[in-house]
Amino acid sequence: MSKTIAVIPGDGIGPEIMSATLRVLDALECGLSYDTVEAGMIALEKHGDLLPKPTLDAIAQHKVALKGPLTTPVGGGFTSINVTLRRHFDLYANVRPAISFPGTKARYENIDIITVRENTEGAYLAEGQTLSEDGEVATSMIRNTRKGSARIVRYAFEMAVKKGRKKVTAVHKANIIKTASGLFLNVAREIAKEYPQIEFNEMIVDNACMQLVMRPEQFDVIVTTNLFGDILSDLCAGLVGGLGLAPGDNIGEQAAIFEAVHGSAPDIAGKGIANPCALLLAAADMLDHLGMVEKGTKLRQAIRDTMTNDRDHVTPDLGGKGSTQSFGEAIAKRLKA
């Protein structure tokens, strides 16, 4: 198979972890070609735009992008680049796997939870934002739609079937936010009936947070609205050792963008010590999306084997003495063996 993908190296540690990730992808012999384009602070300095048109055009043309972390300048009226990308391409499903890996000093073992978060509406639409003239009252609306709720819940169930998952938990706050969260829950109940082979559970968000900490093994796939999904997916990342192991998949009908969830970490940029695993795991998800499931599985296993057996080559955050590149090289070597 020959496929060209858009590659956005990103800011801060982005170019370093992207270099290691592409090295590993090449070792996998996936038949991928890379159309490298710019976004973020690098693009702003070069082109005067955080998201230049050629970058958007490349994503639209290739329909798949691998993206490093991007920096949105604080203040100055800049909109989050990630939010802009999601809205521009209607990337409605944000898929966040949290999987245990060895040597991470995480509090749990054997975690395997996927959070499926609605990515385009809910509280993050930030509609109707007002602040009273005296600065005393701030207002913002939450808007969920039947269409938006239905397509994210259906995505979660279809993914569960495809991946052989057993259970989908819809997380909500319908007991208090009776309209916006209530609509989501009602739609989830309706769609769940179409998938009798998948166990369906519903849970109020505050209880879900407690249960994730106390008995995370009861969860398999979580589906929820935008704000709750943002919070729960980071909580799940914390169960497996943090954002350094957290890939994010943004999926729509016309395009898909796979990214490292963590930030650009400017404090360690250029030091060669950034952990590339989040982007590598996003690349594995990208391979699944492209129909190269065996290669995606092989990549995840190589990461696991390297973290278990090549401790000297892993990055300092995982207790090793290696660098971004040495970690990537060790994984690539295993893939070529």
Protein backbone atom coordinates (compact mmCIF):
# COMPACT_ATOMS: atom_id res chain seq x y z
CA MET A 1 0.00 0.00 0.00
CA SER A 2 1.22 3.50 -0.84
CA LYS A 3 -0.31 6.43 1.03
CA THR A 4 0.69 10.06 1.56
CA ILE A 5 -0.15 11.66 4.90
CA ALA A 6 0.14 15.27 6.02
CA VAL A 7 2.79 15.66 8.73
CA ILE A 8 2.74 18.65 11.10
CA PRO A 9 5.91 18.52 13.26
CA GLY A 10 4.60 21.21 15.62
CA ASP A 11 6.27 23.46 18.19
CA GLY A 12 8.65 22.90 21.12
CA ILE A 13 9.47 19.20 21.38
CA GLY A 14 7.22 18.48 18.38
CA PRO A 15 9.95 18.23 15.72
CA GLU A 16 12.03 15.92 17.97
CA ILE A 17 9.27 13.43 18.70
CA MET A 18 8.03 13.60 15.11
CA SER A 19 11.50 12.75 13.81
CA ALA A 20 11.66 9.68 16.09
CA THR A 21 8.11 8.65 15.12
CA LEU A 22 8.74 8.86 11.36
CA ARG A 23 11.95 6.85 11.84
CA VAL A 24 9.88 4.11 13.48
CA LEU A 25 7.17 4.25 10.80
CA ASP A 26 9.84 3.86 8.12
CA ALA A 27 11.21 0.79 9.95
CA LEU A 28 7.69 -0.69 9.82
CA GLU A 29 7.73 -0.37 6.01
CA CYS A 30 4.20 0.97 5.85
CA GLY A 31 4.54 2.48 2.37
CA LEU A 32 3.85 5.95 3.73
CA SER A 33 5.02 9.21 2.14
CA TYR A 34 5.09 12.45 4.12
CA ASP A 35 3.84 15.87 3.04
CA THR A 36 5.35 18.06 5.76
CA VAL A 37 3.44 21.27 6.49
CA GLU A 38 3.53 23.86 9.26
CA ALA A 39 1.17 25.09 11.95
CA GLY A 40 1.50 26.82 15.31
CA MET A 41 4.16 29.30 16.36
CA ILE A 42 6.57 28.22 13.61
CA ALA A 43 3.88 28.93 11.01
CA LEU A 44 2.99 32.24 12.65
CA GLU A 45 6.61 33.42 12.50
CA LYS A 46 7.10 32.26 8.88
CA HIS A 47 3.71 32.94 7.33
CA GLY A 48 1.91 35.26 9.75
CA ASP A 49 -0.78 32.63 10.33
CA LEU A 50 -1.12 29.87 12.93
CA LEU A 51 -2.90 27.65 10.38
CA PRO A 52 -1.77 28.59 6.86
CA LYS A 53 -4.01 27.64 3.93
CA PRO A 54 -1.45 25.20 2.44
CA THR A 55 -1.61 23.22 5.71
CA LEU A 56 -5.41 23.01 5.62
CA ASP A 57 -5.25 22.10 1.92
CA ALA A 58 -2.75 19.27 2.60
CA ILE A 59 -4.98 17.77 5.30
CA ALA A 60 -8.01 18.02 3.02
CA GLN A 61 -6.10 16.42 0.14
CA HIS A 62 -4.56 13.50 2.04
CA LYS A 63 -7.46 13.08 4.53
CA VAL A 64 -5.04 11.86 7.22
CA ALA A 65 -2.59 13.92 9.29
CA LEU A 66 -0.06 13.11 12.00
CA LYS A 67 0.42 16.13 14.26
CA GLY A 68 2.91 17.10 16.92
CA PRO A 69 1.97 19.46 19.77
CA LEU A 70 1.13 23.03 18.76
CA THR A 71 1.37 26.23 20.77
CA THR A 72 -1.48 28.73 20.65
CA PRO A 73 -0.23 32.15 21.82
CA VAL A 74 -1.78 33.30 25.08
CA GLY A 75 -4.03 36.32 24.68
CA GLY A 76 -4.22 38.49 21.59
CA GLY A 77 -7.49 36.94 20.47
CA PHE A 78 -5.92 33.73 19.15
CA THR A 79 -8.29 30.76 18.94
CA SER A 80 -7.01 27.29 19.92
CA ILE A 81 -5.47 25.68 16.83
CA ASN A 82 -6.77 22.27 17.84
CA VAL A 83 -10.32 23.57 18.22
CA THR A 84 -10.03 25.34 14.85
CA LEU A 85 -8.88 22.12 13.15
CA ARG A 86 -11.72 20.13 14.72
CA ARG A 87 -14.33 22.62 13.58
CA HIS A 88 -12.85 23.15 10.10
CA PHE A 89 -12.85 19.42 9.30
CA ASP A 90 -15.82 18.50 11.54
CA LEU A 91 -13.68 16.01 13.47
CA TYR A 92 -16.53 15.01 15.72
CA ALA A 93 -14.98 11.98 17.45
CA ASN A 94 -12.07 12.43 19.83
CA VAL A 95 -10.78 8.95 20.69
CA ARG A 96 -8.40 8.70 23.64
CA PRO A 97 -7.03 5.24 24.52
CA ALA A 98 -5.45 4.75 27.96
CA ILE A 99 -3.38 1.55 28.05
CA SER A 100 -0.97 0.35 30.76
CA PHE A 101 2.69 0.04 29.77
CA PRO A 102 5.55 -1.43 31.81
CA GLY A 103 8.02 0.69 33.78
CA THR A 104 5.83 3.78 34.04
CA LYS A 105 5.46 3.90 37.84
CA ALA A 106 1.70 4.21 37.28
CA ARG A 107 -0.65 3.36 40.14
CA TYR A 108 -2.42 0.64 38.16
CA GLU A 109 -1.61 -2.23 35.85
CA ASN A 110 -3.74 -3.76 33.08
CA ILE A 111 -5.70 -0.59 32.33
CA ASP A 112 -7.27 -0.64 28.85
CA ILE A 113 -9.93 2.06 28.53
CA ILE A 114 -10.97 4.07 25.47
CA THR A 115 -12.72 7.41 25.96
CA VAL A 116 -14.82 8.54 23.00
CA ARG A 117 -15.53 12.24 23.38
CA GLU A 118 -17.86 14.39 21.30
CA ASN A 119 -15.56 16.99 19.81
CA THR A 120 -17.63 19.72 18.16
CA GLU A 121 -20.48 20.92 20.39
CA GLY A 122 -21.49 20.97 24.07
CA ALA A 123 -19.91 23.40 26.50
CA TYR A 124 -16.92 24.07 24.21
CA LEU A 125 -19.05 25.78 21.57
CA ALA A 126 -18.83 28.71 23.98
CA GLU A 127 -22.04 30.17 22.56
CA GLY A 128 -23.78 33.03 24.21
CA GLN A 129 -20.73 34.01 26.25
CA THR A 130 -21.45 37.25 28.05
CA LEU A 131 -20.03 39.14 30.97
CA SER A 132 -22.17 41.73 32.66
CA GLU A 133 -20.98 45.33 32.56
CA ASP A 134 -20.14 45.25 36.26
CA GLY A 135 -18.09 42.06 35.78
CA GLU A 136 -20.21 40.18 38.29
CA VAL A 137 -22.09 37.70 36.09
CA ALA A 138 -20.62 35.45 33.40
CA THR A 139 -22.87 33.36 31.14
CA SER A 140 -22.14 30.62 28.59
CA MET A 141 -24.53 28.15 26.98
CA ILE A 142 -24.22 24.39 26.53
CA ARG A 143 -25.78 23.15 23.29
CA ASN A 144 -26.04 19.48 22.38
CA THR A 145 -27.91 18.24 19.33
CA ARG A 146 -29.62 14.95 18.61
CA LYS A 147 -27.45 14.57 15.50
CA GLY A 148 -24.22 15.27 17.39
CA SER A 149 -25.16 12.95 20.24
CA ALA A 150 -26.26 10.16 17.89
CA ARG A 151 -23.15 10.13 15.74
CA ILE A 152 -20.73 10.07 18.69
CA VAL A 153 -22.64 7.29 20.49
CA ARG A 154 -22.91 5.29 17.26
CA TYR A 155 -19.19 5.78 16.66
CA ALA A 156 -18.45 4.39 20.13
CA PHE A 157 -20.63 1.30 19.59
CA GLU A 158 -19.29 0.66 16.07
CA MET A 159 -15.74 0.95 17.40
CA ALA A 160 -16.57 -1.44 20.24
CA VAL A 161 -17.85 -4.02 17.74
CA LYS A 162 -14.85 -3.56 15.44
CA LYS A 163 -12.30 -3.85 18.25
CA GLY A 164 -14.03 -6.70 20.06
CA ARG A 165 -14.91 -4.59 23.10
CA LYS A 166 -17.58 -5.80 25.50
CA LYS A 167 -19.05 -2.73 27.19
CA VAL A 168 -19.93 0.92 26.51
CA THR A 169 -20.54 3.33 29.39
CA ALA A 170 -22.37 6.60 28.62
CA VAL A 171 -21.27 9.29 31.09
CA HIS A 172 -23.67 12.21 31.71
CA LYS A 173 -25.12 14.69 34.19
CA ALA A 174 -28.75 14.31 33.17
CA ASN A 175 -29.90 14.38 36.79
CA ILE A 176 -29.03 18.09 36.97
CA ILE A 177 -28.45 19.33 33.40
CA LYS A 178 -31.76 17.85 32.35
CA THR A 179 -31.98 19.22 28.80
CA ALA A 180 -28.46 19.23 27.32
CA SER A 181 -27.16 16.16 29.16
CA GLY A 182 -30.59 14.54 29.21
CA LEU A 183 -30.78 14.62 25.40
CA PHE A 184 -27.38 12.92 25.14
CA LEU A 185 -28.40 10.19 27.58
CA ASN A 186 -31.74 9.53 25.89
CA VAL A 187 -30.05 9.22 22.50
CA ALA A 188 -27.43 6.88 23.99
CA ARG A 189 -30.17 4.64 25.40
CA GLU A 190 -31.93 4.52 22.02
CA ILE A 191 -28.79 3.61 20.07
CA ALA A 192 -27.63 1.06 22.66
CA LYS A 193 -30.70 -1.04 21.81
CA GLU A 194 -29.30 -1.52 18.28
CA TYR A 195 -26.23 -3.26 19.72
CA PRO A 196 -27.54 -6.03 22.01
CA GLN A 197 -24.17 -7.81 21.84
CA ILE A 198 -22.50 -4.89 23.67
CA GLU A 199 -23.23 -4.36 27.36
CA PHE A 200 -24.52 -0.83 27.95
CA ASN A 201 -24.06 1.09 31.17
CA GLU A 202 -24.80 4.68 32.13
CA MET A 203 -23.06 6.63 34.86
CA ILE A 204 -23.26 10.15 36.29
CA VAL A 205 -19.99 11.97 35.69
CA ASP A 206 -19.01 12.57 39.32
CA ASN A 207 -19.54 8.91 40.16
CA ALA A 208 -17.62 7.94 37.02
CA CYS A 209 -14.60 9.92 38.25
CA MET A 210 -14.71 8.15 41.60
CA GLN A 211 -15.23 4.71 40.03
CA LEU A 212 -12.32 5.25 37.61
CA VAL A 213 -10.02 5.80 40.57
CA MET A 214 -11.46 3.03 42.76
CA ARG A 215 -12.26 0.28 40.23
CA PRO A 216 -11.01 1.24 36.76
CA GLU A 217 -11.22 -2.37 35.57
CA GLN A 218 -15.03 -2.03 35.28
CA PHE A 219 -14.64 0.33 32.29
CA ASP A 220 -14.04 -0.62 28.68
CA VAL A 221 -15.32 2.11 26.30
CA ILE A 222 -16.58 5.42 27.71
CA VAL A 223 -18.68 7.72 25.51
CA THR A 224 -19.54 11.23 26.64
CA THR A 225 -19.97 14.89 25.77
CA ASN A 226 -17.22 17.42 25.10
CA LEU A 227 -16.39 18.86 28.52
CA PHE A 228 -16.80 15.60 30.44
CA GLY A 229 -14.74 13.78 27.82
CA ASP A 230 -11.92 16.29 28.11
CA ILE A 231 -11.75 15.77 31.88
CA LEU A 232 -12.26 11.98 31.92
CA SER A 233 -9.70 11.29 29.18
CA ASP A 234 -7.00 13.12 31.17
CA LEU A 235 -8.07 11.27 34.32
CA CYS A 236 -7.66 7.99 32.41
CA ALA A 237 -4.24 9.12 31.18
CA GLY A 238 -3.31 9.65 34.82
CA LEU A 239 -4.19 6.03 35.58
CA VAL A 240 -1.51 4.81 33.16
CA GLY A 241 1.27 7.26 33.96
CA GLY A 242 0.33 10.61 32.43
CA LEU A 243 0.04 12.42 29.12
CA GLY A 244 3.39 11.09 27.90
CA LEU A 245 1.50 7.90 27.00
CA ALA A 246 -1.69 9.54 25.73
CA PRO A 247 -2.49 9.53 22.01
CA GLY A 248 -5.47 11.41 20.63
CA ASP A 249 -7.42 10.58 17.47
CA ASN A 250 -9.70 13.21 15.93
CA ILE A 251 -12.00 11.52 13.43
CA GLY A 252 -14.49 12.96 10.96
CA GLU A 253 -16.19 11.89 7.74
CA GLN A 254 -13.70 13.72 5.51
CA ALA A 255 -10.46 13.73 7.51
CA ALA A 256 -8.67 12.31 10.55
CA ILE A 257 -5.89 13.91 12.60
CA PHE A 258 -3.76 11.82 14.98
CA GLU A 259 -1.77 13.62 17.66
CA ALA A 260 0.14 13.55 20.90
CA VAL A 261 -2.23 14.94 23.53
CA HIS A 262 0.49 16.59 25.63
CA GLY A 263 1.73 20.13 25.10
CA SER A 264 4.81 21.44 23.32
CA ALA A 265 6.92 21.46 26.54
CA PRO A 266 9.17 24.39 25.57
CA ASP A 267 11.15 23.94 28.80
CA ILE A 268 12.72 20.72 27.49
CA ALA A 269 12.69 21.49 23.75
CA GLY A 270 16.04 20.82 22.12
CA LYS A 271 17.34 18.72 25.01
CA GLY A 272 16.54 15.42 23.31
CA ILE A 273 14.83 13.95 26.35
CA ALA A 274 11.15 14.15 25.30
CA ASN A 275 9.23 10.87 25.41
CA PRO A 276 7.92 10.11 21.88
CA CYS A 277 5.42 7.45 23.02
CA ALA A 278 2.25 9.54 22.81
CA LEU A 279 2.94 10.39 19.17
CA LEU A 280 4.08 6.82 18.42
CA LEU A 281 0.83 5.48 19.88
CA ALA A 282 -1.11 8.03 17.83
CA ALA A 283 0.77 6.75 14.78
CA ALA A 284 -0.30 3.19 15.69
CA ASP A 285 -3.93 4.37 15.84
CA MET A 286 -3.40 6.05 12.46
CA LEU A 287 -2.21 2.74 10.99
CA ASP A 288 -5.37 1.06 12.33
CA HIS A 289 -7.44 3.81 10.67
CA LEU A 290 -5.63 3.23 7.37
CA GLY A 291 -6.46 -0.47 7.50
CA MET A 292 -2.95 -1.52 8.57
CA VAL A 293 -4.15 -3.05 11.84
CA GLU A 294 -1.38 -5.67 11.97
CA LYS A 295 1.28 -2.99 11.69
CA GLY A 296 -0.44 -0.87 14.35
CA THR A 297 -0.49 -3.86 16.69
CA LYS A 298 3.15 -4.63 15.88
CA LEU A 299 4.15 -1.05 16.69
CA ARG A 300 2.39 -1.09 20.08
CA GLN A 301 4.08 -4.40 20.93
CA ALA A 302 7.49 -3.02 19.94
CA ILE A 303 6.95 -0.03 22.23
CA ARG A 304 5.96 -2.39 25.06
CA ASP A 305 8.95 -4.71 24.45
CA THR A 306 11.37 -1.78 24.33
CA MET A 307 10.02 -0.35 27.59
CA THR A 308 10.40 -3.79 29.19
CA ASN A 309 13.77 -4.94 27.84
CA ASP A 310 15.70 -1.84 26.73
CA ARG A 311 15.48 0.25 29.87
CA ASP A 312 18.72 2.12 29.14
CA HIS A 313 17.26 3.46 25.91
CA VAL A 314 13.98 4.83 27.29
CA THR A 315 13.68 8.51 28.18
CA PRO A 316 14.32 9.85 31.71
CA ASP A 317 10.61 10.33 32.48
CA LEU A 318 10.29 6.53 32.26
CA GLY A 319 13.33 5.96 34.46
CA GLY A 320 15.84 5.42 31.65
CA LYS A 321 19.00 7.16 30.52
CA GLY A 322 18.12 7.38 26.84
CA SER A 323 17.12 10.18 24.51
CA THR A 324 14.16 10.78 22.22
CA GLN A 325 16.18 9.44 19.30
CA SER A 326 17.69 6.46 21.14
CA PHE A 327 14.20 5.43 22.28
CA GLY A 328 12.94 5.67 18.71
CA GLU A 329 15.98 3.80 17.35
CA ALA A 330 15.50 0.98 19.87
CA ILE A 331 11.87 0.57 18.79
CA ALA A 332 12.84 0.73 15.11
CA LYS A 333 15.53 -1.93 15.67
CA ARG A 334 12.95 -4.29 17.19
CA LEU A 335 10.62 -3.75 14.24
CA LYS A 336 13.38 -4.62 11.80
CA ALA A 337 14.52 -7.72 13.69
